[in-house]
Amino acid sequence: MSLWHGEAAPTHPVSAPALFAVIAFAVLCLGSHAFSEQGWVPILDSFNLALHEAGHPLVGLFSERLMVYGGTLFQLGFPLAVAWHFRRREHGVGVAVAVVWLGENGLNVARYMADARTQALPLVGGGDHDWTEILSRWGWLAADARLAGLLRLVATLVIGAACVWLWRRWRQDQGA
């Protein structure tokens, strides 16, 4: 099934260099998380952290109780909004990049989630650990590693699916 739900093909065809660039970006993201201790993609994750931190006070404007969710909501919501933007403009490469970005953020959230009990990761501003609070509220703190593993799997599949989907779009644009 096409992302475009039976609509005409996107007006922006997928070029081989664009396909290669998106796959390289996905490999960079997956490799950074798999093979580096920090699991940090330079520049991108600095931006992701800024989105995360901005989400707390912005959600806090509406509810102090929900403020703890704001970081993760913004961190995952922005790539979704970007994907939606590119989808509306029928720009497949933009959609794929945004979905890889979403998956990479999922890997970051999974790392933070897995740290809920140990709290070994450094926190910006030295505040409370979001996922300790969230999982404690739900009575799931003891499942932090299992939930993080599930999210890691889903995030990796999302990244892979974005690449496969874009490759299929490229093949379609080639007339194959």
Protein backbone atom coordinates (compact mmCIF):
# COMPACT_ATOMS: atom_id res chain seq x y z
CA MET A 1 0.00 0.00 0.00
CA SER A 2 1.30 3.40 -0.91
CA LEU A 3 1.77 6.18 1.58
CA TRP A 4 -0.21 8.29 -0.83
CA HIS A 5 -3.36 6.09 -0.46
CA GLY A 6 -4.16 5.70 -4.11
CA GLU A 7 -3.38 9.28 -5.02
CA ALA A 8 -1.17 10.20 -7.93
CA ALA A 9 2.54 9.61 -7.48
CA PRO A 10 4.42 12.34 -5.63
CA THR A 11 5.34 15.35 -7.74
CA HIS A 12 8.95 15.12 -6.49
CA PRO A 13 10.57 11.99 -7.92
CA VAL A 14 13.17 10.16 -5.84
CA SER A 15 16.66 10.38 -7.30
CA ALA A 16 19.37 7.79 -6.71
CA PRO A 17 21.58 10.32 -4.83
CA ALA A 18 18.64 11.25 -2.58
CA LEU A 19 17.90 7.59 -1.89
CA PHE A 20 21.58 6.99 -1.08
CA ALA A 21 21.66 10.05 1.21
CA VAL A 22 18.60 8.94 3.18
CA ILE A 23 20.00 5.42 3.57
CA ALA A 24 23.36 6.89 4.67
CA PHE A 25 21.54 9.08 7.20
CA ALA A 26 19.69 6.02 8.52
CA VAL A 27 22.92 4.03 8.79
CA LEU A 28 24.58 6.96 10.60
CA CYS A 29 21.70 7.11 13.08
CA LEU A 30 21.58 3.36 13.67
CA GLY A 31 25.37 3.10 13.84
CA SER A 32 25.67 5.94 16.33
CA HIS A 33 23.22 4.21 18.63
CA ALA A 34 24.65 0.73 18.14
CA PHE A 35 28.37 1.42 18.25
CA SER A 36 28.96 4.50 20.38
CA GLU A 37 28.65 4.67 24.12
CA GLN A 38 26.73 7.95 24.03
CA GLY A 39 24.44 7.00 21.14
CA TRP A 40 24.67 10.62 20.05
CA VAL A 41 24.27 11.91 16.48
CA PRO A 42 26.07 15.28 16.50
CA ILE A 43 24.00 18.37 15.65
CA LEU A 44 20.80 16.33 15.21
CA ASP A 45 20.68 15.18 18.82
CA SER A 46 21.59 18.64 20.10
CA PHE A 47 18.51 19.87 18.26
CA ASN A 48 16.46 16.94 19.56
CA LEU A 49 17.53 17.76 23.11
CA ALA A 50 16.49 21.39 22.61
CA LEU A 51 13.07 20.21 21.37
CA HIS A 52 12.79 17.88 24.36
CA GLU A 53 13.63 20.59 26.87
CA ALA A 54 11.35 23.15 25.19
CA GLY A 55 8.46 20.69 25.40
CA HIS A 56 8.41 20.63 29.19
CA PRO A 57 7.55 24.29 29.87
CA LEU A 58 5.31 24.57 26.81
CA VAL A 59 3.16 21.62 27.90
CA GLY A 60 3.47 22.94 31.46
CA LEU A 61 1.57 26.05 30.37
CA PHE A 62 -1.48 23.82 30.03
CA SER A 63 -0.89 21.39 32.89
CA GLU A 64 1.82 21.08 35.51
CA ARG A 65 0.97 17.40 35.90
CA LEU A 66 1.44 16.73 32.17
CA MET A 67 4.66 18.78 31.95
CA VAL A 68 6.80 15.65 32.44
CA TYR A 69 5.41 14.23 29.17
CA GLY A 70 6.18 17.42 27.21
CA GLY A 71 9.78 16.56 26.43
CA THR A 72 9.01 13.25 24.80
CA LEU A 73 5.89 14.63 23.09
CA PHE A 74 7.87 17.42 21.44
CA GLN A 75 10.80 15.14 20.63
CA LEU A 76 8.53 12.74 18.76
CA GLY A 77 5.91 15.25 17.63
CA PHE A 78 8.22 17.48 15.62
CA PRO A 79 9.46 14.74 13.27
CA LEU A 80 5.84 13.62 12.82
CA ALA A 81 4.82 17.18 11.95
CA VAL A 82 7.69 17.44 9.46
CA ALA A 83 6.71 14.10 7.90
CA TRP A 84 3.12 15.33 7.59
CA HIS A 85 4.33 18.58 6.01
CA PHE A 86 6.32 16.71 3.35
CA ARG A 87 3.57 14.18 2.82
CA ARG A 88 1.11 16.96 2.06
CA ARG A 89 3.56 18.32 -0.52
CA GLU A 90 4.04 14.84 -2.02
CA HIS A 91 7.78 14.97 -1.29
CA GLY A 92 8.82 11.37 -0.63
CA VAL A 93 12.44 12.10 0.28
CA GLY A 94 11.33 14.64 2.88
CA VAL A 95 8.87 12.13 4.34
CA ALA A 96 11.57 9.46 4.55
CA VAL A 97 14.08 11.79 6.21
CA ALA A 98 11.49 12.86 8.77
CA VAL A 99 10.52 9.25 9.50
CA VAL A 100 14.19 8.29 9.97
CA TRP A 101 14.47 11.29 12.31
CA LEU A 102 11.40 10.04 14.18
CA GLY A 103 12.97 6.60 14.56
CA GLU A 104 16.25 8.08 15.74
CA ASN A 105 14.35 10.06 18.36
CA GLY A 106 12.64 6.83 19.38
CA LEU A 107 16.08 5.35 19.99
CA ASN A 108 16.92 8.35 22.18
CA VAL A 109 13.71 8.00 24.14
CA ALA A 110 14.39 4.28 24.59
CA ARG A 111 17.85 5.05 25.99
CA TYR A 112 16.37 7.55 28.44
CA MET A 113 13.56 5.15 29.34
CA ALA A 114 16.02 2.31 30.03
CA ASP A 115 17.80 4.62 32.49
CA ALA A 116 14.69 5.19 34.61
CA ARG A 117 15.82 3.07 37.56
CA THR A 118 19.59 3.49 37.37
CA GLN A 119 19.51 7.22 36.53
CA ALA A 120 23.09 7.13 35.25
CA LEU A 121 22.55 9.51 32.31
CA PRO A 122 23.41 13.16 32.90
CA LEU A 123 20.30 15.34 32.95
CA VAL A 124 20.09 18.86 31.58
CA GLY A 125 19.76 21.21 34.53
CA GLY A 126 20.05 18.33 36.99
CA GLY A 127 16.28 18.06 37.29
CA ASP A 128 14.08 15.02 37.79
CA HIS A 129 14.30 12.03 35.48
CA ASP A 130 11.22 12.15 33.21
CA TRP A 131 10.94 8.42 32.67
CA THR A 132 11.37 7.60 36.35
CA GLU A 133 8.40 9.85 37.01
CA ILE A 134 6.33 8.60 34.08
CA LEU A 135 6.90 4.89 34.68
CA SER A 136 6.40 5.31 38.43
CA ARG A 137 3.05 7.00 37.84
CA TRP A 138 1.95 4.04 35.72
CA GLY A 139 3.42 1.39 38.05
CA TRP A 140 5.78 0.22 35.31
CA LEU A 141 9.16 1.32 36.68
CA ALA A 142 10.38 -2.28 37.05
CA ALA A 143 9.70 -2.77 33.32
CA ASP A 144 11.88 0.14 32.18
CA ALA A 145 14.46 -2.03 30.37
CA ARG A 146 11.84 -4.22 28.69
CA LEU A 147 9.78 -1.23 27.54
CA ALA A 148 12.94 0.47 26.28
CA GLY A 149 13.91 -2.68 24.38
CA LEU A 150 10.49 -2.77 22.74
CA LEU A 151 10.73 0.91 21.81
CA ARG A 152 14.26 0.34 20.47
CA LEU A 153 12.92 -2.45 18.24
CA VAL A 154 10.00 -0.34 17.00
CA ALA A 155 12.29 2.65 16.34
CA THR A 156 14.73 0.49 14.38
CA LEU A 157 11.86 -0.96 12.34
CA VAL A 158 10.56 2.55 11.65
CA ILE A 159 13.96 3.60 10.31
CA GLY A 160 14.20 0.46 8.18
CA ALA A 161 10.65 0.88 6.90
CA ALA A 162 11.38 4.46 5.83
CA CYS A 163 14.36 3.27 3.79
CA VAL A 164 12.47 0.37 2.22
CA TRP A 165 9.52 2.62 1.42
CA LEU A 166 11.80 5.21 -0.22
CA TRP A 167 13.63 2.50 -2.18
CA ARG A 168 10.26 1.27 -3.47
CA ARG A 169 9.32 4.85 -4.45
CA TRP A 170 12.65 5.17 -6.26
CA ARG A 171 12.03 1.89 -8.12
CA GLN A 172 8.55 3.08 -9.05
CA ASP A 173 9.96 6.38 -10.30
CA GLN A 174 12.48 4.42 -12.41
CA GLY A 175 9.59 2.58 -14.04
CA ALA A 176 10.65 -0.77 -12.56
